[in-house]
Structures are given as structure tokens and as C-alpha cells.
Amino acid sequence: LTADGEAGLPREIHDRDLDWLKSADVVVAEVTTPSLGV
């Protein structure tokens, strides 16, 4: 995975990741490198 991101349309990535986020019990984020997405 590179800084260019993942393959796929931005909307698909957004919706997939939000589905995963909704289904998770807990979120662990490494926040040392600033990221709008994180």
C-alpha cells in the first residue's frame, strides 16, 4: 500500500471503510503521522 492510496473509487473506499468501522467493537488508531482520513 502506497501513499497513492488503494485501488478503487473514493466513494467505494469510503463506504467500505465506514461499513468496517460500523461493524467494529473498538478502534485503535496510530496517530503519529497526521492523516485527515484517520
PDB file of all heavy atoms in Angstrom:
ATOM      1  N   LEU A   1       0.849  -1.179   0.000  1.00  0.00           N
ATOM      2  CA  LEU A   1       0.000   0.000   0.000  1.00  0.00           C
ATOM      3  C   LEU A   1       0.890   1.237   0.000  1.00  0.00           C
ATOM      4  O   LEU A   1       1.797   1.355   0.815  1.00  0.00           O
ATOM      5  CB  LEU A   1      -0.885  -0.019   1.244  1.00  0.00           C
ATOM      6  CG  LEU A   1      -2.073   0.909   1.313  1.00  0.00           C
ATOM      7  CD1 LEU A   1      -3.002   0.703   0.135  1.00  0.00           C
ATOM      8  CD2 LEU A   1      -2.823   0.655   2.607  1.00  0.00           C
ATOM      9  N   THR A   2       0.649   2.151  -0.919  1.00  0.00           N
ATOM     10  CA  THR A   2       1.489   3.346  -1.032  1.00  0.00           C
ATOM     11  C   THR A   2       0.686   4.589  -0.664  1.00  0.00           C
ATOM     12  O   THR A   2      -0.537   4.523  -0.482  1.00  0.00           O
ATOM     13  CB  THR A   2       2.030   3.509  -2.470  1.00  0.00           C
ATOM     14  OG1 THR A   2       0.928   3.826  -3.334  1.00  0.00           O
ATOM     15  CG2 THR A   2       2.733   2.252  -2.944  1.00  0.00           C
ATOM     16  N   ALA A   3       1.367   5.709  -0.597  1.00  0.00           N
ATOM     17  CA  ALA A   3       0.701   6.975  -0.298  1.00  0.00           C
ATOM     18  C   ALA A   3      -0.271   7.381  -1.399  1.00  0.00           C
ATOM     19  O   ALA A   3      -1.085   8.281  -1.204  1.00  0.00           O
ATOM     20  CB  ALA A   3       1.729   8.070  -0.065  1.00  0.00           C
ATOM     21  N   ASP A   4      -0.194   6.727  -2.546  1.00  0.00           N
ATOM     22  CA  ASP A   4      -1.169   6.981  -3.606  1.00  0.00           C
ATOM     23  C   ASP A   4      -2.532   6.404  -3.252  1.00  0.00           C
ATOM     24  O   ASP A   4      -3.525   6.704  -3.907  1.00  0.00           O
ATOM     25  CB  ASP A   4      -0.691   6.372  -4.934  1.00  0.00           C
ATOM     26  CG  ASP A   4       0.534   7.093  -5.471  1.00  0.00           C
ATOM     27  OD1 ASP A   4       0.704   8.294  -5.183  1.00  0.00           O
ATOM     28  OD2 ASP A   4       1.335   6.442  -6.165  1.00  0.00           O
ATOM     29  N   GLY A   5      -2.567   5.559  -2.226  1.00  0.00           N
ATOM     30  CA  GLY A   5      -3.830   5.005  -1.755  1.00  0.00           C
ATOM     31  C   GLY A   5      -4.129   3.648  -2.348  1.00  0.00           C
ATOM     32  O   GLY A   5      -3.284   2.997  -2.942  1.00  0.00           O
ATOM     33  N   GLU A   6      -5.349   3.255  -2.161  1.00  0.00           N
ATOM     34  CA  GLU A   6      -5.814   1.942  -2.599  1.00  0.00           C
ATOM     35  C   GLU A   6      -6.464   2.040  -3.964  1.00  0.00           C
ATOM     36  O   GLU A   6      -6.914   3.101  -4.371  1.00  0.00           O
ATOM     37  CB  GLU A   6      -6.855   1.419  -1.605  1.00  0.00           C
ATOM     38  CG  GLU A   6      -6.365   1.363  -0.181  1.00  0.00           C
ATOM     39  CD  GLU A   6      -7.502   1.051   0.762  1.00  0.00           C
ATOM     40  OE1 GLU A   6      -8.045  -0.061   0.666  1.00  0.00           O
ATOM     41  OE2 GLU A   6      -7.834   1.914   1.575  1.00  0.00           O
ATOM     42  N   ALA A   7      -6.548   0.898  -4.610  1.00  0.00           N
ATOM     43  CA  ALA A   7      -7.287   0.837  -5.873  1.00  0.00           C
ATOM     44  C   ALA A   7      -8.772   0.959  -5.573  1.00  0.00           C
ATOM     45  O   ALA A   7      -9.257   0.442  -4.573  1.00  0.00           O
ATOM     46  CB  ALA A   7      -6.986  -0.480  -6.580  1.00  0.00           C
ATOM     47  N   GLY A   8      -9.454   1.642  -6.416  1.00  0.00           N
ATOM     48  CA  GLY A   8     -10.889   1.782  -6.247  1.00  0.00           C
ATOM     49  C   GLY A   8     -11.296   3.239  -6.251  1.00  0.00           C
ATOM     50  O   GLY A   8     -10.486   4.139  -6.052  1.00  0.00           O
ATOM     51  N   LEU A   9     -12.574   3.436  -6.454  1.00  0.00           N
ATOM     52  CA  LEU A   9     -13.116   4.784  -6.450  1.00  0.00           C
ATOM     53  C   LEU A   9     -13.191   5.310  -5.021  1.00  0.00           C
ATOM     54  O   LEU A   9     -13.471   4.537  -4.095  1.00  0.00           O
ATOM     55  CB  LEU A   9     -14.508   4.795  -7.081  1.00  0.00           C
ATOM     56  CG  LEU A   9     -14.570   4.391  -8.558  1.00  0.00           C
ATOM     57  CD1 LEU A   9     -16.024   4.268  -9.013  1.00  0.00           C
ATOM     58  CD2 LEU A   9     -13.816   5.410  -9.403  1.00  0.00           C
ATOM     59  N   PRO A  10     -12.963   6.600  -4.821  1.00  0.00           N
ATOM     60  CA  PRO A  10     -13.012   7.153  -3.468  1.00  0.00           C
ATOM     61  C   PRO A  10     -14.307   6.821  -2.721  1.00  0.00           C
ATOM     62  O   PRO A  10     -14.280   6.489  -1.534  1.00  0.00           O
ATOM     63  CB  PRO A  10     -12.859   8.660  -3.696  1.00  0.00           C
ATOM     64  CG  PRO A  10     -12.038   8.758  -4.939  1.00  0.00           C
ATOM     65  CD  PRO A  10     -12.521   7.611  -5.798  1.00  0.00           C
ATOM     66  N   ARG A  11     -15.447   6.887  -3.408  1.00  0.00           N
ATOM     67  CA  ARG A  11     -16.724   6.595  -2.744  1.00  0.00           C
ATOM     68  C   ARG A  11     -16.788   5.142  -2.284  1.00  0.00           C
ATOM     69  O   ARG A  11     -17.290   4.833  -1.197  1.00  0.00           O
ATOM     70  CB  ARG A  11     -17.894   6.916  -3.690  1.00  0.00           C
ATOM     71  CG  ARG A  11     -19.270   6.661  -3.110  1.00  0.00           C
ATOM     72  CD  ARG A  11     -19.535   7.557  -1.885  1.00  0.00           C
ATOM     73  NE  ARG A  11     -20.773   7.274  -1.246  1.00  0.00           N
ATOM     74  CZ  ARG A  11     -21.868   8.012  -1.384  1.00  0.00           C
ATOM     75  NH1 ARG A  11     -21.869   9.084  -2.153  1.00  0.00           N
ATOM     76  NH2 ARG A  11     -22.959   7.686  -0.744  1.00  0.00           N
ATOM     77  N   GLU A  12     -16.254   4.228  -3.109  1.00  0.00           N
ATOM     78  CA  GLU A  12     -16.248   2.810  -2.735  1.00  0.00           C
ATOM     79  C   GLU A  12     -15.382   2.587  -1.492  1.00  0.00           C
ATOM     80  O   GLU A  12     -15.774   1.847  -0.585  1.00  0.00           O
ATOM     81  CB  GLU A  12     -15.731   1.959  -3.886  1.00  0.00           C
ATOM     82  CG  GLU A  12     -16.651   1.917  -5.085  1.00  0.00           C
ATOM     83  CD  GLU A  12     -16.002   1.286  -6.310  1.00  0.00           C
ATOM     84  OE1 GLU A  12     -14.773   1.026  -6.301  1.00  0.00           O
ATOM     85  OE2 GLU A  12     -16.731   1.058  -7.297  1.00  0.00           O
ATOM     86  N   ILE A  13     -14.217   3.208  -1.463  1.00  0.00           N
ATOM     87  CA  ILE A  13     -13.310   3.064  -0.315  1.00  0.00           C
ATOM     88  C   ILE A  13     -13.964   3.659   0.932  1.00  0.00           C
ATOM     89  O   ILE A  13     -13.967   3.038   2.007  1.00  0.00           O
ATOM     90  CB  ILE A  13     -11.952   3.725  -0.616  1.00  0.00           C
ATOM     91  CG1 ILE A  13     -11.238   2.960  -1.733  1.00  0.00           C
ATOM     92  CG2 ILE A  13     -11.091   3.790   0.642  1.00  0.00           C
ATOM     93  CD1 ILE A  13     -10.030   3.677  -2.311  1.00  0.00           C
ATOM     94  N   HIS A  14     -14.546   4.832   0.803  1.00  0.00           N
ATOM     95  CA  HIS A  14     -15.230   5.488   1.921  1.00  0.00           C
ATOM     96  C   HIS A  14     -16.328   4.586   2.485  1.00  0.00           C
ATOM     97  O   HIS A  14     -16.382   4.331   3.694  1.00  0.00           O
ATOM     98  CB  HIS A  14     -15.820   6.819   1.445  1.00  0.00           C
ATOM     99  CG  HIS A  14     -16.720   7.475   2.431  1.00  0.00           C
ATOM    100  ND1 HIS A  14     -18.068   7.199   2.503  1.00  0.00           N
ATOM    101  CD2 HIS A  14     -16.460   8.384   3.399  1.00  0.00           C
ATOM    102  CE1 HIS A  14     -18.606   7.917   3.466  1.00  0.00           C
ATOM    103  NE2 HIS A  14     -17.656   8.648   4.031  1.00  0.00           N
ATOM    104  N   ASP A  15     -17.209   4.101   1.604  1.00  0.00           N
ATOM    105  CA  ASP A  15     -18.348   3.300   2.057  1.00  0.00           C
ATOM    106  C   ASP A  15     -17.898   1.982   2.666  1.00  0.00           C
ATOM    107  O   ASP A  15     -18.423   1.550   3.700  1.00  0.00           O
ATOM    108  CB  ASP A  15     -19.325   3.058   0.911  1.00  0.00           C
ATOM    109  CG  ASP A  15     -20.021   4.335   0.460  1.00  0.00           C
ATOM    110  OD1 ASP A  15     -19.868   5.392   1.122  1.00  0.00           O
ATOM    111  OD2 ASP A  15     -20.720   4.280  -0.573  1.00  0.00           O
ATOM    112  N   ARG A  16     -16.901   1.328   2.047  1.00  0.00           N
ATOM    113  CA  ARG A  16     -16.384   0.077   2.588  1.00  0.00           C
ATOM    114  C   ARG A  16     -15.789   0.293   3.970  1.00  0.00           C
ATOM    115  O   ARG A  16     -16.082  -0.441   4.919  1.00  0.00           O
ATOM    116  CB  ARG A  16     -15.327  -0.495   1.651  1.00  0.00           C
ATOM    117  CG  ARG A  16     -14.686  -1.791   2.157  1.00  0.00           C
ATOM    118  CD  ARG A  16     -13.317  -2.029   1.600  1.00  0.00           C
ATOM    119  NE  ARG A  16     -12.374  -0.999   2.029  1.00  0.00           N
ATOM    120  CZ  ARG A  16     -11.223  -0.737   1.419  1.00  0.00           C
ATOM    121  NH1 ARG A  16     -10.852  -1.420   0.351  1.00  0.00           N
ATOM    122  NH2 ARG A  16     -10.427   0.191   1.877  1.00  0.00           N
ATOM    123  N   ASP A  17     -14.965   1.323   4.097  1.00  0.00           N
ATOM    124  CA  ASP A  17     -14.314   1.569   5.375  1.00  0.00           C
ATOM    125  C   ASP A  17     -15.318   1.948   6.462  1.00  0.00           C
ATOM    126  O   ASP A  17     -15.186   1.521   7.610  1.00  0.00           O
ATOM    127  CB  ASP A  17     -13.230   2.635   5.235  1.00  0.00           C
ATOM    128  CG  ASP A  17     -11.996   2.122   4.501  1.00  0.00           C
ATOM    129  OD1 ASP A  17     -12.014   0.977   3.995  1.00  0.00           O
ATOM    130  OD2 ASP A  17     -10.993   2.865   4.431  1.00  0.00           O
ATOM    131  N   LEU A  18     -16.331   2.716   6.106  1.00  0.00           N
ATOM    132  CA  LEU A  18     -17.354   3.038   7.104  1.00  0.00           C
ATOM    133  C   LEU A  18     -18.150   1.798   7.502  1.00  0.00           C
ATOM    134  O   LEU A  18     -18.533   1.664   8.668  1.00  0.00           O
ATOM    135  CB  LEU A  18     -18.286   4.139   6.605  1.00  0.00           C
ATOM    136  CG  LEU A  18     -17.739   5.558   6.700  1.00  0.00           C
ATOM    137  CD1 LEU A  18     -18.833   6.572   6.364  1.00  0.00           C
ATOM    138  CD2 LEU A  18     -17.137   5.863   8.049  1.00  0.00           C
ATOM    139  N   ASP A  19     -18.398   0.895   6.572  1.00  0.00           N
ATOM    140  CA  ASP A  19     -19.061  -0.370   6.928  1.00  0.00           C
ATOM    141  C   ASP A  19     -18.209  -1.153   7.923  1.00  0.00           C
ATOM    142  O   ASP A  19     -18.725  -1.701   8.901  1.00  0.00           O
ATOM    143  CB  ASP A  19     -19.329  -1.220   5.683  1.00  0.00           C
ATOM    144  CG  ASP A  19     -20.490  -0.708   4.848  1.00  0.00           C
ATOM    145  OD1 ASP A  19     -21.285   0.119   5.350  1.00  0.00           O
ATOM    146  OD2 ASP A  19     -20.603  -1.128   3.674  1.00  0.00           O
ATOM    147  N   TRP A  20     -16.896  -1.220   7.651  1.00  0.00           N
ATOM    148  CA  TRP A  20     -15.991  -1.904   8.587  1.00  0.00           C
ATOM    149  C   TRP A  20     -16.005  -1.198   9.941  1.00  0.00           C
ATOM    150  O   TRP A  20     -16.066  -1.844  10.986  1.00  0.00           O
ATOM    151  CB  TRP A  20     -14.568  -1.936   8.049  1.00  0.00           C
ATOM    152  CG  TRP A  20     -14.310  -2.930   6.965  1.00  0.00           C
ATOM    153  CD1 TRP A  20     -15.039  -4.041   6.660  1.00  0.00           C
ATOM    154  CD2 TRP A  20     -13.222  -2.906   6.032  1.00  0.00           C
ATOM    155  NE1 TRP A  20     -14.468  -4.709   5.605  1.00  0.00           N
ATOM    156  CE2 TRP A  20     -13.361  -4.033   5.197  1.00  0.00           C
ATOM    157  CE3 TRP A  20     -12.159  -2.040   5.821  1.00  0.00           C
ATOM    158  CZ2 TRP A  20     -12.451  -4.324   4.184  1.00  0.00           C
ATOM    159  CZ3 TRP A  20     -11.259  -2.316   4.806  1.00  0.00           C
ATOM    160  CH2 TRP A  20     -11.411  -3.445   3.997  1.00  0.00           C
ATOM    161  N   LEU A  21     -15.940   0.123   9.913  1.00  0.00           N
ATOM    162  CA  LEU A  21     -15.916   0.895  11.155  1.00  0.00           C
ATOM    163  C   LEU A  21     -17.185   0.657  11.971  1.00  0.00           C
ATOM    164  O   LEU A  21     -17.126   0.452  13.188  1.00  0.00           O
ATOM    165  CB  LEU A  21     -15.744   2.377  10.816  1.00  0.00           C
ATOM    166  CG  LEU A  21     -15.486   3.352  11.955  1.00  0.00           C
ATOM    167  CD1 LEU A  21     -14.219   3.002  12.712  1.00  0.00           C
ATOM    168  CD2 LEU A  21     -15.383   4.774  11.407  1.00  0.00           C
ATOM    169  N   LYS A  22     -18.329   0.644  11.304  1.00  0.00           N
ATOM    170  CA  LYS A  22     -19.602   0.391  11.992  1.00  0.00           C
ATOM    171  C   LYS A  22     -19.636  -0.994  12.619  1.00  0.00           C
ATOM    172  O   LYS A  22     -20.201  -1.193  13.688  1.00  0.00           O
ATOM    173  CB  LYS A  22     -20.777   0.524  11.023  1.00  0.00           C
ATOM    174  CG  LYS A  22     -21.136   1.936  10.696  1.00  0.00           C
ATOM    175  CD  LYS A  22     -22.287   1.960   9.704  1.00  0.00           C
ATOM    176  CE  LYS A  22     -22.545   3.366   9.219  1.00  0.00           C
ATOM    177  NZ  LYS A  22     -23.543   3.417   8.149  1.00  0.00           N
ATOM    178  N   SER A  23     -19.030  -1.969  11.944  1.00  0.00           N
ATOM    179  CA  SER A  23     -19.092  -3.345  12.436  1.00  0.00           C
ATOM    180  C   SER A  23     -18.063  -3.636  13.533  1.00  0.00           C
ATOM    181  O   SER A  23     -18.147  -4.672  14.189  1.00  0.00           O
ATOM    182  CB  SER A  23     -18.916  -4.331  11.280  1.00  0.00           C
ATOM    183  OG  SER A  23     -17.590  -4.305  10.793  1.00  0.00           O
ATOM    184  N   ALA A  24     -17.132  -2.735  13.740  1.00  0.00           N
ATOM    185  CA  ALA A  24     -16.079  -2.962  14.731  1.00  0.00           C
ATOM    186  C   ALA A  24     -16.593  -2.720  16.150  1.00  0.00           C
ATOM    187  O   ALA A  24     -17.475  -1.892  16.383  1.00  0.00           O
ATOM    188  CB  ALA A  24     -14.892  -2.039  14.449  1.00  0.00           C
ATOM    189  N   ASP A  25     -15.987  -3.446  17.087  1.00  0.00           N
ATOM    190  CA  ASP A  25     -16.266  -3.226  18.504  1.00  0.00           C
ATOM    191  C   ASP A  25     -15.425  -2.089  19.057  1.00  0.00           C
ATOM    192  O   ASP A  25     -15.820  -1.420  20.015  1.00  0.00           O
ATOM    193  CB  ASP A  25     -15.930  -4.489  19.319  1.00  0.00           C
ATOM    194  CG  ASP A  25     -16.751  -5.680  18.906  1.00  0.00           C
ATOM    195  OD1 ASP A  25     -17.975  -5.542  18.734  1.00  0.00           O
ATOM    196  OD2 ASP A  25     -16.157  -6.769  18.736  1.00  0.00           O
ATOM    197  N   VAL A  26     -14.245  -1.910  18.475  1.00  0.00           N
ATOM    198  CA  VAL A  26     -13.264  -0.972  19.016  1.00  0.00           C
ATOM    199  C   VAL A  26     -12.408  -0.433  17.871  1.00  0.00           C
ATOM    200  O   VAL A  26     -12.226  -1.114  16.857  1.00  0.00           O
ATOM    201  CB  VAL A  26     -12.390  -1.672  20.085  1.00  0.00           C
ATOM    202  CG1 VAL A  26     -11.618  -2.822  19.501  1.00  0.00           C
ATOM    203  CG2 VAL A  26     -11.462  -0.708  20.788  1.00  0.00           C
ATOM    204  N   VAL A  27     -11.889   0.785  18.055  1.00  0.00           N
ATOM    205  CA  VAL A  27     -10.999   1.400  17.080  1.00  0.00           C
ATOM    206  C   VAL A  27      -9.661   1.658  17.756  1.00  0.00           C
ATOM    207  O   VAL A  27      -9.609   2.220  18.858  1.00  0.00           O
ATOM    208  CB  VAL A  27     -11.581   2.721  16.537  1.00  0.00           C
ATOM    209  CG1 VAL A  27     -10.579   3.422  15.619  1.00  0.00           C
ATOM    210  CG2 VAL A  27     -12.893   2.465  15.823  1.00  0.00           C
ATOM    211  N   VAL A  28      -8.598   1.236  17.094  1.00  0.00           N
ATOM    212  CA  VAL A  28      -7.237   1.554  17.534  1.00  0.00           C
ATOM    213  C   VAL A  28      -6.592   2.313  16.393  1.00  0.00           C
ATOM    214  O   VAL A  28      -6.549   1.822  15.265  1.00  0.00           O
ATOM    215  CB  VAL A  28      -6.423   0.290  17.883  1.00  0.00           C
ATOM    216  CG1 VAL A  28      -4.995   0.660  18.248  1.00  0.00           C
ATOM    217  CG2 VAL A  28      -7.101  -0.480  19.015  1.00  0.00           C
ATOM    218  N   ALA A  29      -6.108   3.530  16.680  1.00  0.00           N
ATOM    219  CA  ALA A  29      -5.524   4.377  15.644  1.00  0.00           C
ATOM    220  C   ALA A  29      -4.113   4.775  16.034  1.00  0.00           C
ATOM    221  O   ALA A  29      -3.881   5.205  17.163  1.00  0.00           O
ATOM    222  CB  ALA A  29      -6.378   5.624  15.444  1.00  0.00           C
ATOM    223  N   GLU A  30      -3.196   4.617  15.098  1.00  0.00           N
ATOM    224  CA  GLU A  30      -1.839   5.134  15.284  1.00  0.00           C
ATOM    225  C   GLU A  30      -1.865   6.534  14.690  1.00  0.00           C
ATOM    226  O   GLU A  30      -2.107   6.695  13.495  1.00  0.00           O
ATOM    227  CB  GLU A  30      -0.820   4.237  14.583  1.00  0.00           C
ATOM    228  CG  GLU A  30       0.561   4.211  15.215  1.00  0.00           C
ATOM    229  CD  GLU A  30       1.301   5.540  15.313  1.00  0.00           C
ATOM    230  OE1 GLU A  30       0.935   6.502  14.635  1.00  0.00           O
ATOM    231  OE2 GLU A  30       2.276   5.602  16.073  1.00  0.00           O
ATOM    232  N   VAL A  31      -1.668   7.558  15.523  1.00  0.00           N
ATOM    233  CA  VAL A  31      -1.907   8.936  15.113  1.00  0.00           C
ATOM    234  C   VAL A  31      -0.640   9.792  15.042  1.00  0.00           C
ATOM    235  O   VAL A  31      -0.743  11.021  14.945  1.00  0.00           O
ATOM    236  CB  VAL A  31      -2.963   9.606  16.034  1.00  0.00           C
ATOM    237  CG1 VAL A  31      -4.317   8.923  15.877  1.00  0.00           C
ATOM    238  CG2 VAL A  31      -2.508   9.597  17.486  1.00  0.00           C
ATOM    239  N   THR A  32       0.519   9.167  15.048  1.00  0.00           N
ATOM    240  CA  THR A  32       1.757   9.940  14.998  1.00  0.00           C
ATOM    241  C   THR A  32       1.894  10.695  13.684  1.00  0.00           C
ATOM    242  O   THR A  32       2.260  11.867  13.671  1.00  0.00           O
ATOM    243  CB  THR A  32       2.974   9.021  15.219  1.00  0.00           C
ATOM    244  OG1 THR A  32       2.787   8.287  16.436  1.00  0.00           O
ATOM    245  CG2 THR A  32       4.260   9.816  15.300  1.00  0.00           C
ATOM    246  N   THR A  33       1.617  10.034  12.564  1.00  0.00           N
ATOM    247  CA  THR A  33       1.630  10.692  11.257  1.00  0.00           C
ATOM    248  C   THR A  33       0.247  11.279  11.017  1.00  0.00           C
ATOM    249  O   THR A  33      -0.728  10.537  10.933  1.00  0.00           O
ATOM    250  CB  THR A  33       1.991   9.694  10.139  1.00  0.00           C
ATOM    251  OG1 THR A  33       3.296   9.173  10.377  1.00  0.00           O
ATOM    252  CG2 THR A  33       1.954  10.363   8.778  1.00  0.00           C
ATOM    253  N   PRO A  34       0.146  12.599  10.933  1.00  0.00           N
ATOM    254  CA  PRO A  34      -1.164  13.225  10.753  1.00  0.00           C
ATOM    255  C   PRO A  34      -1.859  12.715   9.492  1.00  0.00           C
ATOM    256  O   PRO A  34      -1.228  12.529   8.453  1.00  0.00           O
ATOM    257  CB  PRO A  34      -0.840  14.715  10.619  1.00  0.00           C
ATOM    258  CG  PRO A  34       0.494  14.878  11.269  1.00  0.00           C
ATOM    259  CD  PRO A  34       1.233  13.599  11.004  1.00  0.00           C
ATOM    260  N   SER A  35      -3.169  12.495   9.608  1.00  0.00           N
ATOM    261  CA  SER A  35      -3.948  11.966   8.491  1.00  0.00           C
ATOM    262  C   SER A  35      -5.381  12.460   8.601  1.00  0.00           C
ATOM    263  O   SER A  35      -6.035  12.246   9.630  1.00  0.00           O
ATOM    264  CB  SER A  35      -3.925  10.435   8.529  1.00  0.00           C
ATOM    265  OG  SER A  35      -4.901   9.899   7.677  1.00  0.00           O
ATOM    266  N   LEU A  36      -5.849  13.108   7.546  1.00  0.00           N
ATOM    267  CA  LEU A  36      -7.246  13.551   7.529  1.00  0.00           C
ATOM    268  C   LEU A  36      -8.198  12.365   7.638  1.00  0.00           C
ATOM    269  O   LEU A  36      -9.208  12.428   8.339  1.00  0.00           O
ATOM    270  CB  LEU A  36      -7.540  14.324   6.247  1.00  0.00           C
ATOM    271  CG  LEU A  36      -6.819  15.664   6.103  1.00  0.00           C
ATOM    272  CD1 LEU A  36      -7.035  16.222   4.697  1.00  0.00           C
ATOM    273  CD2 LEU A  36      -7.296  16.642   7.145  1.00  0.00           C
ATOM    274  N   GLY A  37      -7.876  11.284   6.935  1.00  0.00           N
ATOM    275  CA  GLY A  37      -8.739  10.107   6.956  1.00  0.00           C
ATOM    276  C   GLY A  37      -8.837   9.488   8.340  1.00  0.00           C
ATOM    277  O   GLY A  37      -9.928   9.135   8.796  1.00  0.00           O
ATOM    278  N   VAL A  38      -7.713   9.353   9.020  1.00  0.00           N
ATOM    279  CA  VAL A  38      -7.721   8.778  10.372  1.00  0.00           C
ATOM    280  C   VAL A  38      -8.512   9.687  11.315  1.00  0.00           C
ATOM    281  O   VAL A  38      -9.310   9.212  12.129  1.00  0.00           O
ATOM    282  CB  VAL A  38      -6.290   8.530  10.884  1.00  0.00           C
ATOM    283  CG1 VAL A  38      -6.297   8.112  12.354  1.00  0.00           C
ATOM    284  CG2 VAL A  38      -5.605   7.464  10.035  1.00  0.00           C
TER     285      VAL A  38
END
